Amino acid sequence: MSEDAKALTRKAAFAARKLAHARSQSGAHSAATERLLAALLPHAGQPLAGYMPIRTEIDPRPAMARHPGPVGVPVIVAEAHPLVFRLWSPDCPMIPGAFGAPIPETGRPMTPQVLIVPMLAFDRRGFRLGYGGGFYDRTLERLRARGPVTAIGFAFADQEIGTVPTETTDQPLDLIVTERETIRPA
């Protein structure tokens, strides 16, 4: 798919997510959090990486705060590089990071075995559309080369599209959790 087509898909996905975020009420967030907690239950104790929501991303922090194990958040070190992760807790001091997402001011590095992944759009094959930097694809590829890793996409149900445009470097998700359902890609 051409970059122009991907850019148009991203633009439409931003608009759909913004609308889903505006329509969502605390009930939708609560339902999504409960579904995410259920998806994380088999991974209790394993190192988990979530994310600090920006713009209109659905908020994983309530589930992250309840995870019984180490929790980290991504840190962008440079363009076109995999993410690194720092340990996070709900009360740790945060500073501005790249793209406006807060990061722990200090924090030990950690390596997640489970990741909660943000997205603009997703499809039932398990592919996601992100912002276009390739950070999560590079990160998942690197982590999966070392051993088993579970990538859980977290989004509003209205962010689903028919088919996400993919490239050979795109890494699929293992699960997708929304306020309506948990999708296990085929």
C-alpha atoms as a PDB file:
ATOM      1  CA  MET A   1       0.000   0.000   0.000  1.00  0.00           C
ATOM      2  CA  SER A   2       1.283   3.454  -0.816  1.00  0.00           C
ATOM      3  CA  GLU A   3       2.249   5.911   1.895  1.00  0.00           C
ATOM      4  CA  ASP A   4      -0.537   8.218   0.676  1.00  0.00           C
ATOM      5  CA  ALA A   5      -3.123   5.481   1.231  1.00  0.00           C
ATOM      6  CA  LYS A   6      -1.692   4.757   4.677  1.00  0.00           C
ATOM      7  CA  ALA A   7      -1.810   8.457   5.524  1.00  0.00           C
ATOM      8  CA  LEU A   8      -5.483   8.601   4.521  1.00  0.00           C
ATOM      9  CA  THR A   9      -6.211   5.500   6.610  1.00  0.00           C
ATOM     10  CA  ARG A  10      -4.445   7.114   9.584  1.00  0.00           C
ATOM     11  CA  LYS A  11      -6.429  10.329   9.171  1.00  0.00           C
ATOM     12  CA  ALA A  12      -9.725   8.415   9.163  1.00  0.00           C
ATOM     13  CA  ALA A  13      -8.577   6.309  12.135  1.00  0.00           C
ATOM     14  CA  PHE A  14      -7.698   9.426  14.170  1.00  0.00           C
ATOM     15  CA  ALA A  15     -11.183  10.792  13.497  1.00  0.00           C
ATOM     16  CA  ALA A  16     -12.870   7.499  14.434  1.00  0.00           C
ATOM     17  CA  ARG A  17     -10.888   7.207  17.666  1.00  0.00           C
ATOM     18  CA  LYS A  18     -11.630  10.818  18.599  1.00  0.00           C
ATOM     19  CA  LEU A  19     -15.335  10.178  18.108  1.00  0.00           C
ATOM     20  CA  ALA A  20     -15.208   6.898  20.078  1.00  0.00           C
ATOM     21  CA  HIS A  21     -13.361   8.653  22.912  1.00  0.00           C
ATOM     22  CA  ALA A  22     -15.912  11.478  22.995  1.00  0.00           C
ATOM     23  CA  ARG A  23     -18.827   9.018  23.016  1.00  0.00           C
ATOM     24  CA  SER A  24     -17.329   6.780  25.652  1.00  0.00           C
ATOM     25  CA  GLN A  25     -18.461   7.224  29.189  1.00  0.00           C
ATOM     26  CA  SER A  26     -16.960   5.896  32.372  1.00  0.00           C
ATOM     27  CA  GLY A  27     -18.931   2.685  31.855  1.00  0.00           C
ATOM     28  CA  ALA A  28     -17.092   1.964  28.618  1.00  0.00           C
ATOM     29  CA  HIS A  29     -13.739   2.625  30.266  1.00  0.00           C
ATOM     30  CA  SER A  30     -14.694   0.439  33.217  1.00  0.00           C
ATOM     31  CA  ALA A  31     -15.791  -2.405  30.928  1.00  0.00           C
ATOM     32  CA  ALA A  32     -12.576  -2.112  28.914  1.00  0.00           C
ATOM     33  CA  THR A  33     -10.475  -2.131  32.102  1.00  0.00           C
ATOM     34  CA  GLU A  34     -12.246  -5.256  33.395  1.00  0.00           C
ATOM     35  CA  ARG A  35     -11.707  -7.034  30.073  1.00  0.00           C
ATOM     36  CA  LEU A  36      -8.046  -6.006  30.082  1.00  0.00           C
ATOM     37  CA  LEU A  37      -7.592  -7.269  33.642  1.00  0.00           C
ATOM     38  CA  ALA A  38      -9.126 -10.605  32.616  1.00  0.00           C
ATOM     39  CA  ALA A  39      -6.736 -10.815  29.631  1.00  0.00           C
ATOM     40  CA  LEU A  40      -3.785 -10.064  31.926  1.00  0.00           C
ATOM     41  CA  LEU A  41      -4.780 -12.615  34.591  1.00  0.00           C
ATOM     42  CA  PRO A  42      -2.865 -15.535  32.990  1.00  0.00           C
ATOM     43  CA  HIS A  43       0.223 -13.283  33.015  1.00  0.00           C
ATOM     44  CA  ALA A  44       0.143 -12.409  36.729  1.00  0.00           C
ATOM     45  CA  GLY A  45       3.659 -11.798  37.998  1.00  0.00           C
ATOM     46  CA  GLN A  46       5.182 -11.441  34.534  1.00  0.00           C
ATOM     47  CA  PRO A  47       6.816  -8.120  33.619  1.00  0.00           C
ATOM     48  CA  LEU A  48       4.185  -5.947  31.925  1.00  0.00           C
ATOM     49  CA  ALA A  49       4.604  -2.816  29.821  1.00  0.00           C
ATOM     50  CA  GLY A  50       1.660  -0.502  29.407  1.00  0.00           C
ATOM     51  CA  TYR A  51       1.632   3.035  28.098  1.00  0.00           C
ATOM     52  CA  MET A  52       0.747   6.560  29.172  1.00  0.00           C
ATOM     53  CA  PRO A  53      -2.260   7.563  27.065  1.00  0.00           C
ATOM     54  CA  ILE A  54      -1.961  10.584  24.809  1.00  0.00           C
ATOM     55  CA  ARG A  55      -4.552  12.373  22.732  1.00  0.00           C
ATOM     56  CA  THR A  56      -7.649  10.186  22.642  1.00  0.00           C
ATOM     57  CA  GLU A  57      -6.059   6.803  23.428  1.00  0.00           C
ATOM     58  CA  ILE A  58      -7.971   4.534  25.774  1.00  0.00           C
ATOM     59  CA  ASP A  59      -6.404   4.567  29.256  1.00  0.00           C
ATOM     60  CA  PRO A  60      -4.716   1.330  30.443  1.00  0.00           C
ATOM     61  CA  ARG A  61      -3.410   2.785  33.732  1.00  0.00           C
ATOM     62  CA  PRO A  62      -6.194   1.374  35.969  1.00  0.00           C
ATOM     63  CA  ALA A  63      -5.286  -2.152  34.801  1.00  0.00           C
ATOM     64  CA  MET A  64      -1.555  -1.438  34.983  1.00  0.00           C
ATOM     65  CA  ALA A  65      -1.912  -0.274  38.587  1.00  0.00           C
ATOM     66  CA  ARG A  66      -3.587  -3.565  39.542  1.00  0.00           C
ATOM     67  CA  HIS A  67      -1.107  -5.889  37.801  1.00  0.00           C
ATOM     68  CA  PRO A  68       0.614  -8.201  40.316  1.00  0.00           C
ATOM     69  CA  GLY A  69       4.105  -7.884  38.942  1.00  0.00           C
ATOM     70  CA  PRO A  70       6.572  -5.322  37.643  1.00  0.00           C
ATOM     71  CA  VAL A  71       5.088  -2.702  35.321  1.00  0.00           C
ATOM     72  CA  GLY A  72       6.959  -0.465  32.922  1.00  0.00           C
ATOM     73  CA  VAL A  73       6.216   2.185  30.342  1.00  0.00           C
ATOM     74  CA  PRO A  74       7.910   2.837  26.999  1.00  0.00           C
ATOM     75  CA  VAL A  75      10.610   5.409  26.454  1.00  0.00           C
ATOM     76  CA  ILE A  76      11.531   6.558  22.953  1.00  0.00           C
ATOM     77  CA  VAL A  77      15.312   6.801  22.719  1.00  0.00           C
ATOM     78  CA  ALA A  78      15.621   7.753  19.042  1.00  0.00           C
ATOM     79  CA  GLU A  79      13.730   7.719  15.779  1.00  0.00           C
ATOM     80  CA  ALA A  80      13.745   4.329  14.011  1.00  0.00           C
ATOM     81  CA  HIS A  81      14.860   2.458  17.162  1.00  0.00           C
ATOM     82  CA  PRO A  82      13.043  -0.036  19.379  1.00  0.00           C
ATOM     83  CA  LEU A  83      11.498   1.264  22.569  1.00  0.00           C
ATOM     84  CA  VAL A  84      13.112   0.765  25.952  1.00  0.00           C
ATOM     85  CA  PHE A  85      11.089   0.461  29.145  1.00  0.00           C
ATOM     86  CA  ARG A  86      11.378   1.941  32.629  1.00  0.00           C
ATOM     87  CA  LEU A  87       9.678   0.655  35.744  1.00  0.00           C
ATOM     88  CA  TRP A  88       6.525   2.595  36.597  1.00  0.00           C
ATOM     89  CA  SER A  89       4.176   2.876  39.556  1.00  0.00           C
ATOM     90  CA  PRO A  90       1.075   5.072  39.876  1.00  0.00           C
ATOM     91  CA  ASP A  91       2.880   7.438  42.248  1.00  0.00           C
ATOM     92  CA  CYS A  92       6.276   7.708  40.537  1.00  0.00           C
ATOM     93  CA  PRO A  93       7.417  11.172  39.416  1.00  0.00           C
ATOM     94  CA  MET A  94       6.906  11.672  35.682  1.00  0.00           C
ATOM     95  CA  ILE A  95       8.495  14.010  33.148  1.00  0.00           C
ATOM     96  CA  PRO A  96       7.523  14.838  29.551  1.00  0.00           C
ATOM     97  CA  GLY A  97       8.731  12.314  27.008  1.00  0.00           C
ATOM     98  CA  ALA A  98       8.661  12.219  23.232  1.00  0.00           C
ATOM     99  CA  PHE A  99       5.279  12.820  21.581  1.00  0.00           C
ATOM    100  CA  GLY A 100       3.936  14.238  24.850  1.00  0.00           C
ATOM    101  CA  ALA A 101       3.683  10.906  26.658  1.00  0.00           C
ATOM    102  CA  PRO A 102       4.985  11.149  30.225  1.00  0.00           C
ATOM    103  CA  ILE A 103       7.827   8.866  31.263  1.00  0.00           C
ATOM    104  CA  PRO A 104       9.206   8.041  34.717  1.00  0.00           C
ATOM    105  CA  GLU A 105      11.708  10.672  35.811  1.00  0.00           C
ATOM    106  CA  THR A 106      13.939   7.894  37.017  1.00  0.00           C
ATOM    107  CA  GLY A 107      13.380   4.208  36.940  1.00  0.00           C
ATOM    108  CA  ARG A 108      15.207   1.018  36.413  1.00  0.00           C
ATOM    109  CA  PRO A 109      15.136  -0.469  32.946  1.00  0.00           C
ATOM    110  CA  MET A 110      12.896  -3.497  32.548  1.00  0.00           C
ATOM    111  CA  THR A 111      12.138  -6.021  29.831  1.00  0.00           C
ATOM    112  CA  PRO A 112       8.448  -6.860  29.407  1.00  0.00           C
ATOM    113  CA  GLN A 113       7.038 -10.256  28.552  1.00  0.00           C
ATOM    114  CA  VAL A 114       3.559  -8.786  28.087  1.00  0.00           C
ATOM    115  CA  LEU A 115       2.790  -5.487  26.374  1.00  0.00           C
ATOM    116  CA  ILE A 116      -0.393  -3.425  26.281  1.00  0.00           C
ATOM    117  CA  VAL A 117      -0.157  -1.731  22.897  1.00  0.00           C
ATOM    118  CA  PRO A 118      -1.931   1.500  21.863  1.00  0.00           C
ATOM    119  CA  MET A 119      -3.255   1.974  18.345  1.00  0.00           C
ATOM    120  CA  LEU A 120      -5.247   4.066  15.932  1.00  0.00           C
ATOM    121  CA  ALA A 121      -7.024   1.132  14.283  1.00  0.00           C
ATOM    122  CA  PHE A 122      -7.030  -2.659  14.254  1.00  0.00           C
ATOM    123  CA  ASP A 123      -8.442  -5.559  12.299  1.00  0.00           C
ATOM    124  CA  ARG A 124      -9.493  -9.074  13.257  1.00  0.00           C
ATOM    125  CA  ARG A 125      -6.307 -10.553  11.807  1.00  0.00           C
ATOM    126  CA  GLY A 126      -4.443  -8.960  14.716  1.00  0.00           C
ATOM    127  CA  PHE A 127      -2.817  -6.100  12.859  1.00  0.00           C
ATOM    128  CA  ARG A 128      -2.785  -2.534  14.130  1.00  0.00           C
ATOM    129  CA  LEU A 129      -2.275   0.867  12.648  1.00  0.00           C
ATOM    130  CA  GLY A 130      -0.061   3.097  14.752  1.00  0.00           C
ATOM    131  CA  TYR A 131       1.322   6.567  14.256  1.00  0.00           C
ATOM    132  CA  GLY A 132       3.786   5.453  11.596  1.00  0.00           C
ATOM    133  CA  GLY A 133       7.080   5.465  13.499  1.00  0.00           C
ATOM    134  CA  GLY A 134       7.386   1.666  13.659  1.00  0.00           C
ATOM    135  CA  PHE A 135       8.412   1.757  17.331  1.00  0.00           C
ATOM    136  CA  TYR A 136       6.181  -1.107  18.463  1.00  0.00           C
ATOM    137  CA  ASP A 137       6.945  -3.252  15.404  1.00  0.00           C
ATOM    138  CA  ARG A 138      10.701  -2.929  16.001  1.00  0.00           C
ATOM    139  CA  THR A 139      10.249  -3.531  19.717  1.00  0.00           C
ATOM    140  CA  LEU A 140       8.071  -6.614  19.309  1.00  0.00           C
ATOM    141  CA  GLU A 141      10.416  -8.053  16.702  1.00  0.00           C
ATOM    142  CA  ARG A 142      13.396  -7.597  19.049  1.00  0.00           C
ATOM    143  CA  LEU A 143      11.574  -8.993  22.098  1.00  0.00           C
ATOM    144  CA  ARG A 144      10.105 -11.973  20.205  1.00  0.00           C
ATOM    145  CA  ALA A 145      13.597 -12.888  18.937  1.00  0.00           C
ATOM    146  CA  ARG A 146      14.579 -13.380  22.607  1.00  0.00           C
ATOM    147  CA  GLY A 147      11.584 -15.473  23.660  1.00  0.00           C
ATOM    148  CA  PRO A 148       7.819 -15.575  24.104  1.00  0.00           C
ATOM    149  CA  VAL A 149       6.085 -12.194  24.295  1.00  0.00           C
ATOM    150  CA  THR A 150       2.367 -11.431  24.396  1.00  0.00           C
ATOM    151  CA  ALA A 151       1.170  -8.248  22.681  1.00  0.00           C
ATOM    152  CA  ILE A 152      -2.308  -7.104  23.711  1.00  0.00           C
ATOM    153  CA  GLY A 153      -3.849  -4.299  21.675  1.00  0.00           C
ATOM    154  CA  PHE A 154      -6.113  -1.998  23.705  1.00  0.00           C
ATOM    155  CA  ALA A 155      -8.657   0.182  21.926  1.00  0.00           C
ATOM    156  CA  PHE A 156     -12.253   1.295  21.632  1.00  0.00           C
ATOM    157  CA  ALA A 157     -14.381  -1.155  19.644  1.00  0.00           C
ATOM    158  CA  ASP A 158     -15.153   1.590  17.118  1.00  0.00           C
ATOM    159  CA  GLN A 159     -11.476   1.659  16.134  1.00  0.00           C
ATOM    160  CA  GLU A 160     -11.907  -1.622  14.235  1.00  0.00           C
ATOM    161  CA  ILE A 161     -11.544  -1.400  10.455  1.00  0.00           C
ATOM    162  CA  GLY A 162     -11.964  -4.056   7.768  1.00  0.00           C
ATOM    163  CA  THR A 163      -8.291  -4.505   6.892  1.00  0.00           C
ATOM    164  CA  VAL A 164      -5.268  -2.685   8.246  1.00  0.00           C
ATOM    165  CA  PRO A 165      -2.745  -1.955   5.497  1.00  0.00           C
ATOM    166  CA  THR A 166       0.319  -4.045   6.338  1.00  0.00           C
ATOM    167  CA  GLU A 167       3.963  -4.345   5.408  1.00  0.00           C
ATOM    168  CA  THR A 168       6.350  -7.243   5.935  1.00  0.00           C
ATOM    169  CA  THR A 169       7.786  -5.575   9.056  1.00  0.00           C
ATOM    170  CA  ASP A 170       4.418  -5.333  10.857  1.00  0.00           C
ATOM    171  CA  GLN A 171       4.161  -7.432  13.995  1.00  0.00           C
ATOM    172  CA  PRO A 172       0.728  -8.951  14.780  1.00  0.00           C
ATOM    173  CA  LEU A 173      -1.026  -8.675  18.116  1.00  0.00           C
ATOM    174  CA  ASP A 174      -1.857 -11.776  20.149  1.00  0.00           C
ATOM    175  CA  LEU A 175      -5.086 -10.307  21.583  1.00  0.00           C
ATOM    176  CA  ILE A 176      -7.167  -7.184  21.120  1.00  0.00           C
ATOM    177  CA  VAL A 177      -9.215  -5.914  24.051  1.00  0.00           C
ATOM    178  CA  THR A 178     -12.049  -3.419  23.717  1.00  0.00           C
ATOM    179  CA  GLU A 179     -14.923  -2.415  25.947  1.00  0.00           C
ATOM    180  CA  ARG A 180     -17.147  -4.880  24.035  1.00  0.00           C
ATOM    181  CA  GLU A 181     -15.008  -7.964  23.512  1.00  0.00           C
ATOM    182  CA  THR A 182     -11.658  -9.720  23.577  1.00  0.00           C
ATOM    183  CA  ILE A 183     -10.569 -10.699  20.081  1.00  0.00           C
ATOM    184  CA  ARG A 184      -8.234 -13.628  19.518  1.00  0.00           C
ATOM    185  CA  PRO A 185      -6.853 -13.235  15.992  1.00  0.00           C
ATOM    186  CA  ALA A 186      -6.932 -16.341  13.832  1.00  0.00           C
END
